[in-house]
Amino acid sequence: MFNDDELFDFRAFGRAVKQTRQNEGMTRKEAAEKIPIDPRYLTNIENKGQHPSLQVFYRLATMFNLSVDQYFYPGTAPDKSTLRRQLDSILDSFDDNDLIIVDATAKGIIQAKEVREP
């Protein structure tokens, strides 16, 4: 049996939704319309940690490619972080010519890091 101390705290999830939404240049109203929910409901999820319904939770997590493991199992590393999921989604939209550029950029970052390390 669970006690109140074990209930999920949605504030971290709300902050992740807000940050990702803003990073994607999406207004709260635009995001709410896609789900669809009232923008005030989304405001409360983002700013106050209001518990979303399971359906809204699912839609937000999938719309923004959020890894929810990090919120349910804070002591364990998720298979893929939210950022990695979002990057995978971006990479999936690239063609081979785009991936050549990404590959070269990633290799350049690795080389730059090796030069900086003593």
C-alpha atoms as a PDB file:
ATOM      1  CA  MET A   1       0.000   0.000   0.000  1.00  0.00           C
ATOM      2  CA  PHE A   2       1.228   3.511  -0.805  1.00  0.00           C
ATOM      3  CA  ASN A   3       1.287   6.436   1.549  1.00  0.00           C
ATOM      4  CA  ASP A   4       1.143  10.108   0.569  1.00  0.00           C
ATOM      5  CA  ASP A   5       4.943  10.429   0.704  1.00  0.00           C
ATOM      6  CA  GLU A   6       5.238   7.937  -2.164  1.00  0.00           C
ATOM      7  CA  LEU A   7       2.877   9.751  -4.535  1.00  0.00           C
ATOM      8  CA  PHE A   8       4.394  11.003  -7.753  1.00  0.00           C
ATOM      9  CA  ASP A   9       5.423  14.650  -7.750  1.00  0.00           C
ATOM     10  CA  PHE A  10       4.508  16.121 -11.152  1.00  0.00           C
ATOM     11  CA  ARG A  11       6.439  19.386 -10.739  1.00  0.00           C
ATOM     12  CA  ALA A  12       9.571  18.027 -12.458  1.00  0.00           C
ATOM     13  CA  PHE A  13       7.454  16.655 -15.298  1.00  0.00           C
ATOM     14  CA  GLY A  14       5.691  20.023 -15.649  1.00  0.00           C
ATOM     15  CA  ARG A  15       9.034  21.839 -15.801  1.00  0.00           C
ATOM     16  CA  ALA A  16      10.241  19.430 -18.499  1.00  0.00           C
ATOM     17  CA  VAL A  17       7.068  19.995 -20.529  1.00  0.00           C
ATOM     18  CA  LYS A  18       7.443  23.764 -20.235  1.00  0.00           C
ATOM     19  CA  GLN A  19      11.149  23.753 -21.132  1.00  0.00           C
ATOM     20  CA  THR A  20      10.671  21.468 -24.116  1.00  0.00           C
ATOM     21  CA  ARG A  21       7.645  23.403 -25.355  1.00  0.00           C
ATOM     22  CA  GLN A  22       9.607  26.655 -25.156  1.00  0.00           C
ATOM     23  CA  ASN A  23      12.662  25.085 -26.830  1.00  0.00           C
ATOM     24  CA  GLU A  24      10.438  24.064 -29.724  1.00  0.00           C
ATOM     25  CA  GLY A  25       9.106  27.622 -30.003  1.00  0.00           C
ATOM     26  CA  MET A  26       5.572  26.512 -29.212  1.00  0.00           C
ATOM     27  CA  THR A  27       3.193  28.690 -27.232  1.00  0.00           C
ATOM     28  CA  ARG A  28       1.174  27.210 -24.415  1.00  0.00           C
ATOM     29  CA  LYS A  29      -1.971  27.803 -26.433  1.00  0.00           C
ATOM     30  CA  GLU A  30      -0.567  25.958 -29.466  1.00  0.00           C
ATOM     31  CA  ALA A  31       0.474  22.982 -27.336  1.00  0.00           C
ATOM     32  CA  ALA A  32      -2.880  22.869 -25.557  1.00  0.00           C
ATOM     33  CA  GLU A  33      -4.751  22.911 -28.867  1.00  0.00           C
ATOM     34  CA  LYS A  34      -2.793  19.892 -30.128  1.00  0.00           C
ATOM     35  CA  ILE A  35      -3.780  17.712 -27.176  1.00  0.00           C
ATOM     36  CA  PRO A  36      -6.613  19.260 -26.878  1.00  0.00           C
ATOM     37  CA  ILE A  37      -6.885  20.757 -23.409  1.00  0.00           C
ATOM     38  CA  ASP A  38      -7.551  24.175 -21.940  1.00  0.00           C
ATOM     39  CA  PRO A  39      -4.344  26.288 -21.878  1.00  0.00           C
ATOM     40  CA  ARG A  40      -4.992  27.045 -18.185  1.00  0.00           C
ATOM     41  CA  TYR A  41      -4.827  23.322 -17.452  1.00  0.00           C
ATOM     42  CA  LEU A  42      -1.436  23.178 -19.187  1.00  0.00           C
ATOM     43  CA  THR A  43      -0.329  26.247 -17.210  1.00  0.00           C
ATOM     44  CA  ASN A  44      -1.160  24.443 -13.971  1.00  0.00           C
ATOM     45  CA  ILE A  45       0.703  21.313 -15.073  1.00  0.00           C
ATOM     46  CA  GLU A  46       3.784  23.318 -16.058  1.00  0.00           C
ATOM     47  CA  ASN A  47       3.899  25.761 -13.161  1.00  0.00           C
ATOM     48  CA  LYS A  48       2.181  24.067 -10.237  1.00  0.00           C
ATOM     49  CA  GLY A  49       2.760  20.386 -10.892  1.00  0.00           C
ATOM     50  CA  GLN A  50      -0.956  19.667 -11.231  1.00  0.00           C
ATOM     51  CA  HIS A  51      -1.572  15.967 -11.789  1.00  0.00           C
ATOM     52  CA  PRO A  52      -2.628  15.513 -15.423  1.00  0.00           C
ATOM     53  CA  SER A  53      -5.031  12.789 -16.416  1.00  0.00           C
ATOM     54  CA  LEU A  54      -3.318   9.678 -17.759  1.00  0.00           C
ATOM     55  CA  GLN A  55      -4.422  10.598 -21.269  1.00  0.00           C
ATOM     56  CA  VAL A  56      -2.969  14.140 -21.014  1.00  0.00           C
ATOM     57  CA  PHE A  57       0.212  12.795 -19.398  1.00  0.00           C
ATOM     58  CA  TYR A  58       0.627  10.341 -22.281  1.00  0.00           C
ATOM     59  CA  ARG A  59      -0.062  12.967 -24.943  1.00  0.00           C
ATOM     60  CA  LEU A  60       2.399  15.457 -23.441  1.00  0.00           C
ATOM     61  CA  ALA A  61       5.115  12.821 -23.039  1.00  0.00           C
ATOM     62  CA  THR A  62       4.709  11.568 -26.608  1.00  0.00           C
ATOM     63  CA  MET A  63       4.247  14.989 -28.207  1.00  0.00           C
ATOM     64  CA  PHE A  64       7.498  16.241 -26.671  1.00  0.00           C
ATOM     65  CA  ASN A  65       9.376  12.885 -26.682  1.00  0.00           C
ATOM     66  CA  LEU A  66       9.864  13.031 -22.913  1.00  0.00           C
ATOM     67  CA  SER A  67      11.419  10.091 -21.124  1.00  0.00           C
ATOM     68  CA  VAL A  68       9.114   9.451 -18.176  1.00  0.00           C
ATOM     69  CA  ASP A  69      11.331   6.822 -16.534  1.00  0.00           C
ATOM     70  CA  GLN A  70      13.412   9.563 -14.954  1.00  0.00           C
ATOM     71  CA  TYR A  71      10.329  10.785 -13.070  1.00  0.00           C
ATOM     72  CA  PHE A  72       8.957   7.401 -12.004  1.00  0.00           C
ATOM     73  CA  TYR A  73      12.336   5.842 -11.206  1.00  0.00           C
ATOM     74  CA  PRO A  74      14.544   8.771 -10.149  1.00  0.00           C
ATOM     75  CA  GLY A  75      17.344   6.519  -8.878  1.00  0.00           C
ATOM     76  CA  THR A  76      17.866   4.737 -12.185  1.00  0.00           C
ATOM     77  CA  ALA A  77      19.122   5.955 -15.511  1.00  0.00           C
ATOM     78  CA  PRO A  78      16.543   5.777 -18.323  1.00  0.00           C
ATOM     79  CA  ASP A  79      17.313   3.785 -21.455  1.00  0.00           C
ATOM     80  CA  LYS A  80      17.192   7.065 -23.350  1.00  0.00           C
ATOM     81  CA  SER A  81      17.066  10.511 -21.802  1.00  0.00           C
ATOM     82  CA  THR A  82      14.543  13.055 -23.010  1.00  0.00           C
ATOM     83  CA  LEU A  83      17.241  14.896 -24.923  1.00  0.00           C
ATOM     84  CA  ARG A  84      18.420  11.703 -26.627  1.00  0.00           C
ATOM     85  CA  ARG A  85      14.829  10.851 -27.621  1.00  0.00           C
ATOM     86  CA  GLN A  86      14.359  14.339 -29.052  1.00  0.00           C
ATOM     87  CA  LEU A  87      17.644  14.138 -30.971  1.00  0.00           C
ATOM     88  CA  ASP A  88      16.674  10.716 -32.324  1.00  0.00           C
ATOM     89  CA  SER A  89      13.426  12.206 -33.565  1.00  0.00           C
ATOM     90  CA  ILE A  90      15.302  15.007 -35.321  1.00  0.00           C
ATOM     91  CA  LEU A  91      17.831  12.597 -36.810  1.00  0.00           C
ATOM     92  CA  ASP A  92      15.020  10.391 -38.112  1.00  0.00           C
ATOM     93  CA  SER A  93      13.786  13.334 -40.172  1.00  0.00           C
ATOM     94  CA  PHE A  94      17.182  13.833 -41.890  1.00  0.00           C
ATOM     95  CA  ASP A  95      18.207  12.350 -45.216  1.00  0.00           C
ATOM     96  CA  ASP A  96      21.662  10.858 -45.809  1.00  0.00           C
ATOM     97  CA  ASN A  97      23.141  14.191 -46.929  1.00  0.00           C
ATOM     98  CA  ASP A  98      22.005  15.823 -43.688  1.00  0.00           C
ATOM     99  CA  LEU A  99      23.446  12.927 -41.689  1.00  0.00           C
ATOM    100  CA  ILE A 100      26.857  13.402 -43.342  1.00  0.00           C
ATOM    101  CA  ILE A 101      26.931  16.920 -41.910  1.00  0.00           C
ATOM    102  CA  VAL A 102      25.801  15.736 -38.472  1.00  0.00           C
ATOM    103  CA  ASP A 103      28.413  12.961 -38.506  1.00  0.00           C
ATOM    104  CA  ALA A 104      31.209  15.393 -39.401  1.00  0.00           C
ATOM    105  CA  THR A 105      30.054  17.827 -36.722  1.00  0.00           C
ATOM    106  CA  ALA A 106      29.946  15.107 -34.053  1.00  0.00           C
ATOM    107  CA  LYS A 107      33.433  13.918 -35.014  1.00  0.00           C
ATOM    108  CA  GLY A 108      34.689  17.519 -34.842  1.00  0.00           C
ATOM    109  CA  ILE A 109      33.291  17.863 -31.319  1.00  0.00           C
ATOM    110  CA  ILE A 110      35.027  14.644 -30.258  1.00  0.00           C
ATOM    111  CA  GLN A 111      38.340  15.818 -31.717  1.00  0.00           C
ATOM    112  CA  ALA A 112      38.029  19.216 -30.012  1.00  0.00           C
ATOM    113  CA  LYS A 113      37.377  17.509 -26.671  1.00  0.00           C
ATOM    114  CA  GLU A 114      40.438  15.286 -27.120  1.00  0.00           C
ATOM    115  CA  VAL A 115      42.643  18.312 -27.801  1.00  0.00           C
ATOM    116  CA  ARG A 116      41.407  20.073 -24.637  1.00  0.00           C
ATOM    117  CA  GLU A 117      42.001  17.058 -22.398  1.00  0.00           C
ATOM    118  CA  PRO A 118      45.537  16.855 -20.980  1.00  0.00           C
END
